[in-house]
Amino acid sequence: MERLTAAEVGAGLGERATLVQFSTAFCQPCRATRRVLAEVAAMVPGVAHVEVDAEERLELVRRLGVVRTPTVLVLDAAGQVVRRAAGQPRRVDVIAALGAVC
């Protein structure tokens, strides 16, 4: 499995988990995804939400095989990718994914 650092995603990782969202400027579902992930991160202690501009971080996008936006990665406390989903997630699915990590 892939491991990401705070430097690679451009922000600090959460104490328990990190929701990393790959977005593009004109992606409509990315806006809704941003809201859902921010809400969940605010509800669950120790969880951070980081949004990465896919167009600015092409090297990371290629390395991780991101082919569409939004793509969401769930990282554990060590930065290990433990879950991955493409498309707009439902809040309940994000919470369930975090439940498996935290």
Protein backbone atom coordinates (compact mmCIF):
# COMPACT_ATOMS: atom_id res chain seq x y z
CA MET A 1 0.00 0.00 0.00
CA GLU A 2 0.98 3.59 -0.60
CA ARG A 3 2.08 5.94 2.18
CA LEU A 4 1.84 9.75 1.99
CA THR A 5 3.57 12.41 4.06
CA ALA A 6 2.33 15.82 5.15
CA ALA A 7 4.80 17.39 2.70
CA GLU A 8 3.37 15.38 -0.20
CA VAL A 9 -0.23 16.42 0.47
CA GLY A 10 0.72 19.96 1.41
CA ALA A 11 -0.83 20.00 4.89
CA GLY A 12 -0.60 18.35 8.27
CA LEU A 13 -2.01 14.86 8.69
CA GLY A 14 -4.69 14.09 11.26
CA GLU A 15 -3.80 12.43 14.55
CA ARG A 16 -6.12 9.51 13.81
CA ALA A 17 -6.84 9.74 10.07
CA THR A 18 -6.69 12.06 7.07
CA LEU A 19 -9.20 12.48 4.25
CA VAL A 20 -7.25 13.47 1.13
CA GLN A 21 -9.41 14.83 -1.69
CA PHE A 22 -8.07 15.25 -5.22
CA SER A 23 -10.03 17.98 -7.01
CA THR A 24 -9.94 20.17 -10.09
CA ALA A 25 -11.13 23.75 -10.44
CA PHE A 26 -14.22 23.13 -12.56
CA CYS A 27 -15.32 19.85 -10.97
CA GLN A 28 -18.88 20.30 -9.68
CA PRO A 29 -18.95 17.09 -7.56
CA CYS A 30 -15.68 18.25 -5.95
CA ARG A 31 -17.48 21.13 -4.26
CA ALA A 32 -20.07 18.84 -2.69
CA THR A 33 -17.31 16.40 -1.71
CA ARG A 34 -15.39 19.22 -0.03
CA ARG A 35 -18.45 20.04 2.10
CA VAL A 36 -19.07 16.40 3.10
CA LEU A 37 -15.44 15.73 4.02
CA ALA A 38 -15.09 19.00 5.94
CA GLU A 39 -18.25 18.21 7.92
CA VAL A 40 -17.06 14.70 8.76
CA ALA A 41 -13.58 15.93 9.73
CA ALA A 42 -15.19 18.51 12.04
CA MET A 43 -17.36 15.80 13.65
CA VAL A 44 -14.65 13.20 14.26
CA PRO A 45 -11.80 14.18 16.60
CA GLY A 46 -8.30 13.67 15.20
CA VAL A 47 -9.42 13.59 11.56
CA ALA A 48 -8.07 16.11 9.03
CA HIS A 49 -9.41 16.99 5.58
CA VAL A 50 -6.87 17.99 2.93
CA GLU A 51 -7.80 19.05 -0.58
CA VAL A 52 -5.17 18.61 -3.29
CA ASP A 53 -5.43 20.41 -6.64
CA ALA A 54 -4.90 17.56 -9.10
CA GLU A 55 -3.76 19.91 -11.88
CA GLU A 56 -1.02 21.41 -9.69
CA ARG A 57 0.16 18.05 -8.32
CA LEU A 58 0.36 15.94 -11.48
CA GLU A 59 3.36 13.93 -10.24
CA LEU A 60 1.39 12.78 -7.20
CA VAL A 61 -1.74 12.14 -9.29
CA ARG A 62 0.24 9.91 -11.65
CA ARG A 63 2.02 8.08 -8.83
CA LEU A 64 -1.27 7.29 -7.12
CA GLY A 65 -3.14 6.48 -10.34
CA VAL A 66 -5.85 9.12 -9.84
CA VAL A 67 -7.90 9.14 -13.06
CA ARG A 68 -10.93 11.24 -12.08
CA THR A 69 -11.98 13.88 -9.62
CA PRO A 70 -13.03 13.83 -6.97
CA THR A 71 -10.94 10.94 -5.70
CA VAL A 72 -10.76 10.51 -1.93
CA LEU A 73 -8.06 8.64 -0.07
CA VAL A 74 -8.39 7.72 3.60
CA LEU A 75 -5.05 7.66 5.38
CA ASP A 76 -4.40 6.15 8.78
CA ALA A 77 -2.40 8.00 11.45
CA ALA A 78 0.88 6.95 9.80
CA GLY A 79 -0.17 8.23 6.36
CA GLN A 80 -0.88 4.78 4.93
CA VAL A 81 -3.63 4.70 2.28
CA VAL A 82 -6.25 2.34 3.71
CA ARG A 83 -9.31 3.24 1.61
CA ARG A 84 -9.86 4.85 -1.78
CA ALA A 85 -12.97 5.98 -3.65
CA ALA A 86 -13.65 7.90 -6.86
CA GLY A 87 -16.70 10.10 -7.28
CA GLN A 88 -18.76 12.02 -4.76
CA PRO A 89 -18.96 10.08 -1.48
CA ARG A 90 -21.94 9.89 0.84
CA ARG A 91 -21.39 11.08 4.39
CA VAL A 92 -22.36 7.67 5.81
CA ASP A 93 -19.73 5.95 3.63
CA VAL A 94 -17.00 8.35 4.75
CA ILE A 95 -17.92 7.78 8.40
CA ALA A 96 -17.90 4.01 7.85
CA ALA A 97 -14.46 4.18 6.19
CA LEU A 98 -13.14 6.19 9.12
CA GLY A 99 -14.66 3.69 11.54
CA ALA A 100 -12.50 1.00 10.00
CA VAL A 101 -9.38 3.16 10.46
CA CYS A 102 -9.86 4.99 13.77
